[in-house]
Amino acid sequence: VHLTAAFRQLGVHSRMAAAAALQQ
């Protein structure tokens, strides 16, 4: 649930993209 919500906030659709967005 937390991952789905975080993906939506970051505008990403995968774990790798979310990690990259957070680091950036």
PDBML (XML) file of the C-alpha atoms, coordinates in Angstrom:
<?xml version="1.0" encoding="UTF-8" ?>
<PDBx:datablock datablockName="MODEL"
   xmlns:PDBx="http://pdbml.pdb.org/schema/pdbx-v50.xsd"
   xmlns:xsi="http://www.w3.org/2001/XMLSchema-instance"
   xsi:schemaLocation="http://pdbml.pdb.org/schema/pdbx-v50.xsd pdbx-v50.xsd">
   <PDBx:atom_siteCategory>
      <PDBx:atom_site id="1">
         <PDBx:B_iso_or_equiv>0.00</PDBx:B_iso_or_equiv>
         <PDBx:Cartn_x>0.000</PDBx:Cartn_x>
         <PDBx:Cartn_y>0.000</PDBx:Cartn_y>
         <PDBx:Cartn_z>0.000</PDBx:Cartn_z>
         <PDBx:auth_asym_id>A</PDBx:auth_asym_id>
         <PDBx:auth_atom_id>CA</PDBx:auth_atom_id>
         <PDBx:auth_comp_id>VAL</PDBx:auth_comp_id>
         <PDBx:auth_seq_id>1</PDBx:auth_seq_id>
         <PDBx:group_PDB>ATOM</PDBx:group_PDB>
         <PDBx:label_alt_id xsi:nil="true" />
         <PDBx:label_asym_id>A</PDBx:label_asym_id>
         <PDBx:label_atom_id>CA</PDBx:label_atom_id>
         <PDBx:label_comp_id>VAL</PDBx:label_comp_id>
         <PDBx:label_entity_id>1</PDBx:label_entity_id>
         <PDBx:label_seq_id>1</PDBx:label_seq_id>
         <PDBx:occupancy>1.00</PDBx:occupancy>
         <PDBx:pdbx_PDB_model_num>1</PDBx:pdbx_PDB_model_num>
         <PDBx:type_symbol>C</PDBx:type_symbol>
      </PDBx:atom_site>
      <PDBx:atom_site id="2">
         <PDBx:B_iso_or_equiv>0.00</PDBx:B_iso_or_equiv>
         <PDBx:Cartn_x>2.804</PDBx:Cartn_x>
         <PDBx:Cartn_y>2.411</PDBx:Cartn_y>
         <PDBx:Cartn_z>0.920</PDBx:Cartn_z>
         <PDBx:auth_asym_id>A</PDBx:auth_asym_id>
         <PDBx:auth_atom_id>CA</PDBx:auth_atom_id>
         <PDBx:auth_comp_id>HIS</PDBx:auth_comp_id>
         <PDBx:auth_seq_id>2</PDBx:auth_seq_id>
         <PDBx:group_PDB>ATOM</PDBx:group_PDB>
         <PDBx:label_alt_id xsi:nil="true" />
         <PDBx:label_asym_id>A</PDBx:label_asym_id>
         <PDBx:label_atom_id>CA</PDBx:label_atom_id>
         <PDBx:label_comp_id>HIS</PDBx:label_comp_id>
         <PDBx:label_entity_id>1</PDBx:label_entity_id>
         <PDBx:label_seq_id>2</PDBx:label_seq_id>
         <PDBx:occupancy>1.00</PDBx:occupancy>
         <PDBx:pdbx_PDB_model_num>1</PDBx:pdbx_PDB_model_num>
         <PDBx:type_symbol>C</PDBx:type_symbol>
      </PDBx:atom_site>
      <PDBx:atom_site id="3">
         <PDBx:B_iso_or_equiv>0.00</PDBx:B_iso_or_equiv>
         <PDBx:Cartn_x>4.735</PDBx:Cartn_x>
         <PDBx:Cartn_y>1.590</PDBx:Cartn_y>
         <PDBx:Cartn_z>-2.254</PDBx:Cartn_z>
         <PDBx:auth_asym_id>A</PDBx:auth_asym_id>
         <PDBx:auth_atom_id>CA</PDBx:auth_atom_id>
         <PDBx:auth_comp_id>LEU</PDBx:auth_comp_id>
         <PDBx:auth_seq_id>3</PDBx:auth_seq_id>
         <PDBx:group_PDB>ATOM</PDBx:group_PDB>
         <PDBx:label_alt_id xsi:nil="true" />
         <PDBx:label_asym_id>A</PDBx:label_asym_id>
         <PDBx:label_atom_id>CA</PDBx:label_atom_id>
         <PDBx:label_comp_id>LEU</PDBx:label_comp_id>
         <PDBx:label_entity_id>1</PDBx:label_entity_id>
         <PDBx:label_seq_id>3</PDBx:label_seq_id>
         <PDBx:occupancy>1.00</PDBx:occupancy>
         <PDBx:pdbx_PDB_model_num>1</PDBx:pdbx_PDB_model_num>
         <PDBx:type_symbol>C</PDBx:type_symbol>
      </PDBx:atom_site>
      <PDBx:atom_site id="4">
         <PDBx:B_iso_or_equiv>0.00</PDBx:B_iso_or_equiv>
         <PDBx:Cartn_x>1.703</PDBx:Cartn_x>
         <PDBx:Cartn_y>2.141</PDBx:Cartn_y>
         <PDBx:Cartn_z>-4.465</PDBx:Cartn_z>
         <PDBx:auth_asym_id>A</PDBx:auth_asym_id>
         <PDBx:auth_atom_id>CA</PDBx:auth_atom_id>
         <PDBx:auth_comp_id>THR</PDBx:auth_comp_id>
         <PDBx:auth_seq_id>4</PDBx:auth_seq_id>
         <PDBx:group_PDB>ATOM</PDBx:group_PDB>
         <PDBx:label_alt_id xsi:nil="true" />
         <PDBx:label_asym_id>A</PDBx:label_asym_id>
         <PDBx:label_atom_id>CA</PDBx:label_atom_id>
         <PDBx:label_comp_id>THR</PDBx:label_comp_id>
         <PDBx:label_entity_id>1</PDBx:label_entity_id>
         <PDBx:label_seq_id>4</PDBx:label_seq_id>
         <PDBx:occupancy>1.00</PDBx:occupancy>
         <PDBx:pdbx_PDB_model_num>1</PDBx:pdbx_PDB_model_num>
         <PDBx:type_symbol>C</PDBx:type_symbol>
      </PDBx:atom_site>
      <PDBx:atom_site id="5">
         <PDBx:B_iso_or_equiv>0.00</PDBx:B_iso_or_equiv>
         <PDBx:Cartn_x>1.028</PDBx:Cartn_x>
         <PDBx:Cartn_y>5.521</PDBx:Cartn_y>
         <PDBx:Cartn_z>-2.869</PDBx:Cartn_z>
         <PDBx:auth_asym_id>A</PDBx:auth_asym_id>
         <PDBx:auth_atom_id>CA</PDBx:auth_atom_id>
         <PDBx:auth_comp_id>ALA</PDBx:auth_comp_id>
         <PDBx:auth_seq_id>5</PDBx:auth_seq_id>
         <PDBx:group_PDB>ATOM</PDBx:group_PDB>
         <PDBx:label_alt_id xsi:nil="true" />
         <PDBx:label_asym_id>A</PDBx:label_asym_id>
         <PDBx:label_atom_id>CA</PDBx:label_atom_id>
         <PDBx:label_comp_id>ALA</PDBx:label_comp_id>
         <PDBx:label_entity_id>1</PDBx:label_entity_id>
         <PDBx:label_seq_id>5</PDBx:label_seq_id>
         <PDBx:occupancy>1.00</PDBx:occupancy>
         <PDBx:pdbx_PDB_model_num>1</PDBx:pdbx_PDB_model_num>
         <PDBx:type_symbol>C</PDBx:type_symbol>
      </PDBx:atom_site>
      <PDBx:atom_site id="6">
         <PDBx:B_iso_or_equiv>0.00</PDBx:B_iso_or_equiv>
         <PDBx:Cartn_x>4.699</PDBx:Cartn_x>
         <PDBx:Cartn_y>6.525</PDBx:Cartn_y>
         <PDBx:Cartn_z>-3.092</PDBx:Cartn_z>
         <PDBx:auth_asym_id>A</PDBx:auth_asym_id>
         <PDBx:auth_atom_id>CA</PDBx:auth_atom_id>
         <PDBx:auth_comp_id>ALA</PDBx:auth_comp_id>
         <PDBx:auth_seq_id>6</PDBx:auth_seq_id>
         <PDBx:group_PDB>ATOM</PDBx:group_PDB>
         <PDBx:label_alt_id xsi:nil="true" />
         <PDBx:label_asym_id>A</PDBx:label_asym_id>
         <PDBx:label_atom_id>CA</PDBx:label_atom_id>
         <PDBx:label_comp_id>ALA</PDBx:label_comp_id>
         <PDBx:label_entity_id>1</PDBx:label_entity_id>
         <PDBx:label_seq_id>6</PDBx:label_seq_id>
         <PDBx:occupancy>1.00</PDBx:occupancy>
         <PDBx:pdbx_PDB_model_num>1</PDBx:pdbx_PDB_model_num>
         <PDBx:type_symbol>C</PDBx:type_symbol>
      </PDBx:atom_site>
      <PDBx:atom_site id="7">
         <PDBx:B_iso_or_equiv>0.00</PDBx:B_iso_or_equiv>
         <PDBx:Cartn_x>4.899</PDBx:Cartn_x>
         <PDBx:Cartn_y>5.496</PDBx:Cartn_y>
         <PDBx:Cartn_z>-6.755</PDBx:Cartn_z>
         <PDBx:auth_asym_id>A</PDBx:auth_asym_id>
         <PDBx:auth_atom_id>CA</PDBx:auth_atom_id>
         <PDBx:auth_comp_id>PHE</PDBx:auth_comp_id>
         <PDBx:auth_seq_id>7</PDBx:auth_seq_id>
         <PDBx:group_PDB>ATOM</PDBx:group_PDB>
         <PDBx:label_alt_id xsi:nil="true" />
         <PDBx:label_asym_id>A</PDBx:label_asym_id>
         <PDBx:label_atom_id>CA</PDBx:label_atom_id>
         <PDBx:label_comp_id>PHE</PDBx:label_comp_id>
         <PDBx:label_entity_id>1</PDBx:label_entity_id>
         <PDBx:label_seq_id>7</PDBx:label_seq_id>
         <PDBx:occupancy>1.00</PDBx:occupancy>
         <PDBx:pdbx_PDB_model_num>1</PDBx:pdbx_PDB_model_num>
         <PDBx:type_symbol>C</PDBx:type_symbol>
      </PDBx:atom_site>
      <PDBx:atom_site id="8">
         <PDBx:B_iso_or_equiv>0.00</PDBx:B_iso_or_equiv>
         <PDBx:Cartn_x>1.876</PDBx:Cartn_x>
         <PDBx:Cartn_y>7.704</PDBx:Cartn_y>
         <PDBx:Cartn_z>-7.450</PDBx:Cartn_z>
         <PDBx:auth_asym_id>A</PDBx:auth_asym_id>
         <PDBx:auth_atom_id>CA</PDBx:auth_atom_id>
         <PDBx:auth_comp_id>ARG</PDBx:auth_comp_id>
         <PDBx:auth_seq_id>8</PDBx:auth_seq_id>
         <PDBx:group_PDB>ATOM</PDBx:group_PDB>
         <PDBx:label_alt_id xsi:nil="true" />
         <PDBx:label_asym_id>A</PDBx:label_asym_id>
         <PDBx:label_atom_id>CA</PDBx:label_atom_id>
         <PDBx:label_comp_id>ARG</PDBx:label_comp_id>
         <PDBx:label_entity_id>1</PDBx:label_entity_id>
         <PDBx:label_seq_id>8</PDBx:label_seq_id>
         <PDBx:occupancy>1.00</PDBx:occupancy>
         <PDBx:pdbx_PDB_model_num>1</PDBx:pdbx_PDB_model_num>
         <PDBx:type_symbol>C</PDBx:type_symbol>
      </PDBx:atom_site>
      <PDBx:atom_site id="9">
         <PDBx:B_iso_or_equiv>0.00</PDBx:B_iso_or_equiv>
         <PDBx:Cartn_x>3.437</PDBx:Cartn_x>
         <PDBx:Cartn_y>10.682</PDBx:Cartn_y>
         <PDBx:Cartn_z>-5.653</PDBx:Cartn_z>
         <PDBx:auth_asym_id>A</PDBx:auth_asym_id>
         <PDBx:auth_atom_id>CA</PDBx:auth_atom_id>
         <PDBx:auth_comp_id>GLN</PDBx:auth_comp_id>
         <PDBx:auth_seq_id>9</PDBx:auth_seq_id>
         <PDBx:group_PDB>ATOM</PDBx:group_PDB>
         <PDBx:label_alt_id xsi:nil="true" />
         <PDBx:label_asym_id>A</PDBx:label_asym_id>
         <PDBx:label_atom_id>CA</PDBx:label_atom_id>
         <PDBx:label_comp_id>GLN</PDBx:label_comp_id>
         <PDBx:label_entity_id>1</PDBx:label_entity_id>
         <PDBx:label_seq_id>9</PDBx:label_seq_id>
         <PDBx:occupancy>1.00</PDBx:occupancy>
         <PDBx:pdbx_PDB_model_num>1</PDBx:pdbx_PDB_model_num>
         <PDBx:type_symbol>C</PDBx:type_symbol>
      </PDBx:atom_site>
      <PDBx:atom_site id="10">
         <PDBx:B_iso_or_equiv>0.00</PDBx:B_iso_or_equiv>
         <PDBx:Cartn_x>6.737</PDBx:Cartn_x>
         <PDBx:Cartn_y>10.258</PDBx:Cartn_y>
         <PDBx:Cartn_z>-7.510</PDBx:Cartn_z>
         <PDBx:auth_asym_id>A</PDBx:auth_asym_id>
         <PDBx:auth_atom_id>CA</PDBx:auth_atom_id>
         <PDBx:auth_comp_id>LEU</PDBx:auth_comp_id>
         <PDBx:auth_seq_id>10</PDBx:auth_seq_id>
         <PDBx:group_PDB>ATOM</PDBx:group_PDB>
         <PDBx:label_alt_id xsi:nil="true" />
         <PDBx:label_asym_id>A</PDBx:label_asym_id>
         <PDBx:label_atom_id>CA</PDBx:label_atom_id>
         <PDBx:label_comp_id>LEU</PDBx:label_comp_id>
         <PDBx:label_entity_id>1</PDBx:label_entity_id>
         <PDBx:label_seq_id>10</PDBx:label_seq_id>
         <PDBx:occupancy>1.00</PDBx:occupancy>
         <PDBx:pdbx_PDB_model_num>1</PDBx:pdbx_PDB_model_num>
         <PDBx:type_symbol>C</PDBx:type_symbol>
      </PDBx:atom_site>
      <PDBx:atom_site id="11">
         <PDBx:B_iso_or_equiv>0.00</PDBx:B_iso_or_equiv>
         <PDBx:Cartn_x>5.057</PDBx:Cartn_x>
         <PDBx:Cartn_y>9.609</PDBx:Cartn_y>
         <PDBx:Cartn_z>-10.859</PDBx:Cartn_z>
         <PDBx:auth_asym_id>A</PDBx:auth_asym_id>
         <PDBx:auth_atom_id>CA</PDBx:auth_atom_id>
         <PDBx:auth_comp_id>GLY</PDBx:auth_comp_id>
         <PDBx:auth_seq_id>11</PDBx:auth_seq_id>
         <PDBx:group_PDB>ATOM</PDBx:group_PDB>
         <PDBx:label_alt_id xsi:nil="true" />
         <PDBx:label_asym_id>A</PDBx:label_asym_id>
         <PDBx:label_atom_id>CA</PDBx:label_atom_id>
         <PDBx:label_comp_id>GLY</PDBx:label_comp_id>
         <PDBx:label_entity_id>1</PDBx:label_entity_id>
         <PDBx:label_seq_id>11</PDBx:label_seq_id>
         <PDBx:occupancy>1.00</PDBx:occupancy>
         <PDBx:pdbx_PDB_model_num>1</PDBx:pdbx_PDB_model_num>
         <PDBx:type_symbol>C</PDBx:type_symbol>
      </PDBx:atom_site>
      <PDBx:atom_site id="12">
         <PDBx:B_iso_or_equiv>0.00</PDBx:B_iso_or_equiv>
         <PDBx:Cartn_x>6.836</PDBx:Cartn_x>
         <PDBx:Cartn_y>6.286</PDBx:Cartn_y>
         <PDBx:Cartn_z>-11.419</PDBx:Cartn_z>
         <PDBx:auth_asym_id>A</PDBx:auth_asym_id>
         <PDBx:auth_atom_id>CA</PDBx:auth_atom_id>
         <PDBx:auth_comp_id>VAL</PDBx:auth_comp_id>
         <PDBx:auth_seq_id>12</PDBx:auth_seq_id>
         <PDBx:group_PDB>ATOM</PDBx:group_PDB>
         <PDBx:label_alt_id xsi:nil="true" />
         <PDBx:label_asym_id>A</PDBx:label_asym_id>
         <PDBx:label_atom_id>CA</PDBx:label_atom_id>
         <PDBx:label_comp_id>VAL</PDBx:label_comp_id>
         <PDBx:label_entity_id>1</PDBx:label_entity_id>
         <PDBx:label_seq_id>12</PDBx:label_seq_id>
         <PDBx:occupancy>1.00</PDBx:occupancy>
         <PDBx:pdbx_PDB_model_num>1</PDBx:pdbx_PDB_model_num>
         <PDBx:type_symbol>C</PDBx:type_symbol>
      </PDBx:atom_site>
      <PDBx:atom_site id="13">
         <PDBx:B_iso_or_equiv>0.00</PDBx:B_iso_or_equiv>
         <PDBx:Cartn_x>5.719</PDBx:Cartn_x>
         <PDBx:Cartn_y>2.730</PDBx:Cartn_y>
         <PDBx:Cartn_z>-12.157</PDBx:Cartn_z>
         <PDBx:auth_asym_id>A</PDBx:auth_asym_id>
         <PDBx:auth_atom_id>CA</PDBx:auth_atom_id>
         <PDBx:auth_comp_id>HIS</PDBx:auth_comp_id>
         <PDBx:auth_seq_id>13</PDBx:auth_seq_id>
         <PDBx:group_PDB>ATOM</PDBx:group_PDB>
         <PDBx:label_alt_id xsi:nil="true" />
         <PDBx:label_asym_id>A</PDBx:label_asym_id>
         <PDBx:label_atom_id>CA</PDBx:label_atom_id>
         <PDBx:label_comp_id>HIS</PDBx:label_comp_id>
         <PDBx:label_entity_id>1</PDBx:label_entity_id>
         <PDBx:label_seq_id>13</PDBx:label_seq_id>
         <PDBx:occupancy>1.00</PDBx:occupancy>
         <PDBx:pdbx_PDB_model_num>1</PDBx:pdbx_PDB_model_num>
         <PDBx:type_symbol>C</PDBx:type_symbol>
      </PDBx:atom_site>
      <PDBx:atom_site id="14">
         <PDBx:B_iso_or_equiv>0.00</PDBx:B_iso_or_equiv>
         <PDBx:Cartn_x>8.570</PDBx:Cartn_x>
         <PDBx:Cartn_y>0.484</PDBx:Cartn_y>
         <PDBx:Cartn_z>-10.961</PDBx:Cartn_z>
         <PDBx:auth_asym_id>A</PDBx:auth_asym_id>
         <PDBx:auth_atom_id>CA</PDBx:auth_atom_id>
         <PDBx:auth_comp_id>SER</PDBx:auth_comp_id>
         <PDBx:auth_seq_id>14</PDBx:auth_seq_id>
         <PDBx:group_PDB>ATOM</PDBx:group_PDB>
         <PDBx:label_alt_id xsi:nil="true" />
         <PDBx:label_asym_id>A</PDBx:label_asym_id>
         <PDBx:label_atom_id>CA</PDBx:label_atom_id>
         <PDBx:label_comp_id>SER</PDBx:label_comp_id>
         <PDBx:label_entity_id>1</PDBx:label_entity_id>
         <PDBx:label_seq_id>14</PDBx:label_seq_id>
         <PDBx:occupancy>1.00</PDBx:occupancy>
         <PDBx:pdbx_PDB_model_num>1</PDBx:pdbx_PDB_model_num>
         <PDBx:type_symbol>C</PDBx:type_symbol>
      </PDBx:atom_site>
      <PDBx:atom_site id="15">
         <PDBx:B_iso_or_equiv>0.00</PDBx:B_iso_or_equiv>
         <PDBx:Cartn_x>10.802</PDBx:Cartn_x>
         <PDBx:Cartn_y>-0.131</PDBx:Cartn_y>
         <PDBx:Cartn_z>-7.972</PDBx:Cartn_z>
         <PDBx:auth_asym_id>A</PDBx:auth_asym_id>
         <PDBx:auth_atom_id>CA</PDBx:auth_atom_id>
         <PDBx:auth_comp_id>ARG</PDBx:auth_comp_id>
         <PDBx:auth_seq_id>15</PDBx:auth_seq_id>
         <PDBx:group_PDB>ATOM</PDBx:group_PDB>
         <PDBx:label_alt_id xsi:nil="true" />
         <PDBx:label_asym_id>A</PDBx:label_asym_id>
         <PDBx:label_atom_id>CA</PDBx:label_atom_id>
         <PDBx:label_comp_id>ARG</PDBx:label_comp_id>
         <PDBx:label_entity_id>1</PDBx:label_entity_id>
         <PDBx:label_seq_id>15</PDBx:label_seq_id>
         <PDBx:occupancy>1.00</PDBx:occupancy>
         <PDBx:pdbx_PDB_model_num>1</PDBx:pdbx_PDB_model_num>
         <PDBx:type_symbol>C</PDBx:type_symbol>
      </PDBx:atom_site>
      <PDBx:atom_site id="16">
         <PDBx:B_iso_or_equiv>0.00</PDBx:B_iso_or_equiv>
         <PDBx:Cartn_x>13.930</PDBx:Cartn_x>
         <PDBx:Cartn_y>0.894</PDBx:Cartn_y>
         <PDBx:Cartn_z>-9.859</PDBx:Cartn_z>
         <PDBx:auth_asym_id>A</PDBx:auth_asym_id>
         <PDBx:auth_atom_id>CA</PDBx:auth_atom_id>
         <PDBx:auth_comp_id>MET</PDBx:auth_comp_id>
         <PDBx:auth_seq_id>16</PDBx:auth_seq_id>
         <PDBx:group_PDB>ATOM</PDBx:group_PDB>
         <PDBx:label_alt_id xsi:nil="true" />
         <PDBx:label_asym_id>A</PDBx:label_asym_id>
         <PDBx:label_atom_id>CA</PDBx:label_atom_id>
         <PDBx:label_comp_id>MET</PDBx:label_comp_id>
         <PDBx:label_entity_id>1</PDBx:label_entity_id>
         <PDBx:label_seq_id>16</PDBx:label_seq_id>
         <PDBx:occupancy>1.00</PDBx:occupancy>
         <PDBx:pdbx_PDB_model_num>1</PDBx:pdbx_PDB_model_num>
         <PDBx:type_symbol>C</PDBx:type_symbol>
      </PDBx:atom_site>
      <PDBx:atom_site id="17">
         <PDBx:B_iso_or_equiv>0.00</PDBx:B_iso_or_equiv>
         <PDBx:Cartn_x>12.324</PDBx:Cartn_x>
         <PDBx:Cartn_y>4.122</PDBx:Cartn_y>
         <PDBx:Cartn_z>-11.053</PDBx:Cartn_z>
         <PDBx:auth_asym_id>A</PDBx:auth_asym_id>
         <PDBx:auth_atom_id>CA</PDBx:auth_atom_id>
         <PDBx:auth_comp_id>ALA</PDBx:auth_comp_id>
         <PDBx:auth_seq_id>17</PDBx:auth_seq_id>
         <PDBx:group_PDB>ATOM</PDBx:group_PDB>
         <PDBx:label_alt_id xsi:nil="true" />
         <PDBx:label_asym_id>A</PDBx:label_asym_id>
         <PDBx:label_atom_id>CA</PDBx:label_atom_id>
         <PDBx:label_comp_id>ALA</PDBx:label_comp_id>
         <PDBx:label_entity_id>1</PDBx:label_entity_id>
         <PDBx:label_seq_id>17</PDBx:label_seq_id>
         <PDBx:occupancy>1.00</PDBx:occupancy>
         <PDBx:pdbx_PDB_model_num>1</PDBx:pdbx_PDB_model_num>
         <PDBx:type_symbol>C</PDBx:type_symbol>
      </PDBx:atom_site>
      <PDBx:atom_site id="18">
         <PDBx:B_iso_or_equiv>0.00</PDBx:B_iso_or_equiv>
         <PDBx:Cartn_x>11.135</PDBx:Cartn_x>
         <PDBx:Cartn_y>4.928</PDBx:Cartn_y>
         <PDBx:Cartn_z>-7.532</PDBx:Cartn_z>
         <PDBx:auth_asym_id>A</PDBx:auth_asym_id>
         <PDBx:auth_atom_id>CA</PDBx:auth_atom_id>
         <PDBx:auth_comp_id>ALA</PDBx:auth_comp_id>
         <PDBx:auth_seq_id>18</PDBx:auth_seq_id>
         <PDBx:group_PDB>ATOM</PDBx:group_PDB>
         <PDBx:label_alt_id xsi:nil="true" />
         <PDBx:label_asym_id>A</PDBx:label_asym_id>
         <PDBx:label_atom_id>CA</PDBx:label_atom_id>
         <PDBx:label_comp_id>ALA</PDBx:label_comp_id>
         <PDBx:label_entity_id>1</PDBx:label_entity_id>
         <PDBx:label_seq_id>18</PDBx:label_seq_id>
         <PDBx:occupancy>1.00</PDBx:occupancy>
         <PDBx:pdbx_PDB_model_num>1</PDBx:pdbx_PDB_model_num>
         <PDBx:type_symbol>C</PDBx:type_symbol>
      </PDBx:atom_site>
      <PDBx:atom_site id="19">
         <PDBx:B_iso_or_equiv>0.00</PDBx:B_iso_or_equiv>
         <PDBx:Cartn_x>14.607</PDBx:Cartn_x>
         <PDBx:Cartn_y>4.355</PDBx:Cartn_y>
         <PDBx:Cartn_z>-6.095</PDBx:Cartn_z>
         <PDBx:auth_asym_id>A</PDBx:auth_asym_id>
         <PDBx:auth_atom_id>CA</PDBx:auth_atom_id>
         <PDBx:auth_comp_id>ALA</PDBx:auth_comp_id>
         <PDBx:auth_seq_id>19</PDBx:auth_seq_id>
         <PDBx:group_PDB>ATOM</PDBx:group_PDB>
         <PDBx:label_alt_id xsi:nil="true" />
         <PDBx:label_asym_id>A</PDBx:label_asym_id>
         <PDBx:label_atom_id>CA</PDBx:label_atom_id>
         <PDBx:label_comp_id>ALA</PDBx:label_comp_id>
         <PDBx:label_entity_id>1</PDBx:label_entity_id>
         <PDBx:label_seq_id>19</PDBx:label_seq_id>
         <PDBx:occupancy>1.00</PDBx:occupancy>
         <PDBx:pdbx_PDB_model_num>1</PDBx:pdbx_PDB_model_num>
         <PDBx:type_symbol>C</PDBx:type_symbol>
      </PDBx:atom_site>
      <PDBx:atom_site id="20">
         <PDBx:B_iso_or_equiv>0.00</PDBx:B_iso_or_equiv>
         <PDBx:Cartn_x>16.152</PDBx:Cartn_x>
         <PDBx:Cartn_y>6.563</PDBx:Cartn_y>
         <PDBx:Cartn_z>-8.783</PDBx:Cartn_z>
         <PDBx:auth_asym_id>A</PDBx:auth_asym_id>
         <PDBx:auth_atom_id>CA</PDBx:auth_atom_id>
         <PDBx:auth_comp_id>ALA</PDBx:auth_comp_id>
         <PDBx:auth_seq_id>20</PDBx:auth_seq_id>
         <PDBx:group_PDB>ATOM</PDBx:group_PDB>
         <PDBx:label_alt_id xsi:nil="true" />
         <PDBx:label_asym_id>A</PDBx:label_asym_id>
         <PDBx:label_atom_id>CA</PDBx:label_atom_id>
         <PDBx:label_comp_id>ALA</PDBx:label_comp_id>
         <PDBx:label_entity_id>1</PDBx:label_entity_id>
         <PDBx:label_seq_id>20</PDBx:label_seq_id>
         <PDBx:occupancy>1.00</PDBx:occupancy>
         <PDBx:pdbx_PDB_model_num>1</PDBx:pdbx_PDB_model_num>
         <PDBx:type_symbol>C</PDBx:type_symbol>
      </PDBx:atom_site>
      <PDBx:atom_site id="21">
         <PDBx:B_iso_or_equiv>0.00</PDBx:B_iso_or_equiv>
         <PDBx:Cartn_x>13.565</PDBx:Cartn_x>
         <PDBx:Cartn_y>9.308</PDBx:Cartn_y>
         <PDBx:Cartn_z>-8.224</PDBx:Cartn_z>
         <PDBx:auth_asym_id>A</PDBx:auth_asym_id>
         <PDBx:auth_atom_id>CA</PDBx:auth_atom_id>
         <PDBx:auth_comp_id>ALA</PDBx:auth_comp_id>
         <PDBx:auth_seq_id>21</PDBx:auth_seq_id>
         <PDBx:group_PDB>ATOM</PDBx:group_PDB>
         <PDBx:label_alt_id xsi:nil="true" />
         <PDBx:label_asym_id>A</PDBx:label_asym_id>
         <PDBx:label_atom_id>CA</PDBx:label_atom_id>
         <PDBx:label_comp_id>ALA</PDBx:label_comp_id>
         <PDBx:label_entity_id>1</PDBx:label_entity_id>
         <PDBx:label_seq_id>21</PDBx:label_seq_id>
         <PDBx:occupancy>1.00</PDBx:occupancy>
         <PDBx:pdbx_PDB_model_num>1</PDBx:pdbx_PDB_model_num>
         <PDBx:type_symbol>C</PDBx:type_symbol>
      </PDBx:atom_site>
      <PDBx:atom_site id="22">
         <PDBx:B_iso_or_equiv>0.00</PDBx:B_iso_or_equiv>
         <PDBx:Cartn_x>14.132</PDBx:Cartn_x>
         <PDBx:Cartn_y>9.299</PDBx:Cartn_y>
         <PDBx:Cartn_z>-4.465</PDBx:Cartn_z>
         <PDBx:auth_asym_id>A</PDBx:auth_asym_id>
         <PDBx:auth_atom_id>CA</PDBx:auth_atom_id>
         <PDBx:auth_comp_id>LEU</PDBx:auth_comp_id>
         <PDBx:auth_seq_id>22</PDBx:auth_seq_id>
         <PDBx:group_PDB>ATOM</PDBx:group_PDB>
         <PDBx:label_alt_id xsi:nil="true" />
         <PDBx:label_asym_id>A</PDBx:label_asym_id>
         <PDBx:label_atom_id>CA</PDBx:label_atom_id>
         <PDBx:label_comp_id>LEU</PDBx:label_comp_id>
         <PDBx:label_entity_id>1</PDBx:label_entity_id>
         <PDBx:label_seq_id>22</PDBx:label_seq_id>
         <PDBx:occupancy>1.00</PDBx:occupancy>
         <PDBx:pdbx_PDB_model_num>1</PDBx:pdbx_PDB_model_num>
         <PDBx:type_symbol>C</PDBx:type_symbol>
      </PDBx:atom_site>
      <PDBx:atom_site id="23">
         <PDBx:B_iso_or_equiv>0.00</PDBx:B_iso_or_equiv>
         <PDBx:Cartn_x>17.909</PDBx:Cartn_x>
         <PDBx:Cartn_y>9.484</PDBx:Cartn_y>
         <PDBx:Cartn_z>-4.871</PDBx:Cartn_z>
         <PDBx:auth_asym_id>A</PDBx:auth_asym_id>
         <PDBx:auth_atom_id>CA</PDBx:auth_atom_id>
         <PDBx:auth_comp_id>GLN</PDBx:auth_comp_id>
         <PDBx:auth_seq_id>23</PDBx:auth_seq_id>
         <PDBx:group_PDB>ATOM</PDBx:group_PDB>
         <PDBx:label_alt_id xsi:nil="true" />
         <PDBx:label_asym_id>A</PDBx:label_asym_id>
         <PDBx:label_atom_id>CA</PDBx:label_atom_id>
         <PDBx:label_comp_id>GLN</PDBx:label_comp_id>
         <PDBx:label_entity_id>1</PDBx:label_entity_id>
         <PDBx:label_seq_id>23</PDBx:label_seq_id>
         <PDBx:occupancy>1.00</PDBx:occupancy>
         <PDBx:pdbx_PDB_model_num>1</PDBx:pdbx_PDB_model_num>
         <PDBx:type_symbol>C</PDBx:type_symbol>
      </PDBx:atom_site>
      <PDBx:atom_site id="24">
         <PDBx:B_iso_or_equiv>0.00</PDBx:B_iso_or_equiv>
         <PDBx:Cartn_x>17.633</PDBx:Cartn_x>
         <PDBx:Cartn_y>12.276</PDBx:Cartn_y>
         <PDBx:Cartn_z>-7.430</PDBx:Cartn_z>
         <PDBx:auth_asym_id>A</PDBx:auth_asym_id>
         <PDBx:auth_atom_id>CA</PDBx:auth_atom_id>
         <PDBx:auth_comp_id>GLN</PDBx:auth_comp_id>
         <PDBx:auth_seq_id>24</PDBx:auth_seq_id>
         <PDBx:group_PDB>ATOM</PDBx:group_PDB>
         <PDBx:label_alt_id xsi:nil="true" />
         <PDBx:label_asym_id>A</PDBx:label_asym_id>
         <PDBx:label_atom_id>CA</PDBx:label_atom_id>
         <PDBx:label_comp_id>GLN</PDBx:label_comp_id>
         <PDBx:label_entity_id>1</PDBx:label_entity_id>
         <PDBx:label_seq_id>24</PDBx:label_seq_id>
         <PDBx:occupancy>1.00</PDBx:occupancy>
         <PDBx:pdbx_PDB_model_num>1</PDBx:pdbx_PDB_model_num>
         <PDBx:type_symbol>C</PDBx:type_symbol>
      </PDBx:atom_site>
   </PDBx:atom_siteCategory>
</PDBx:datablock>
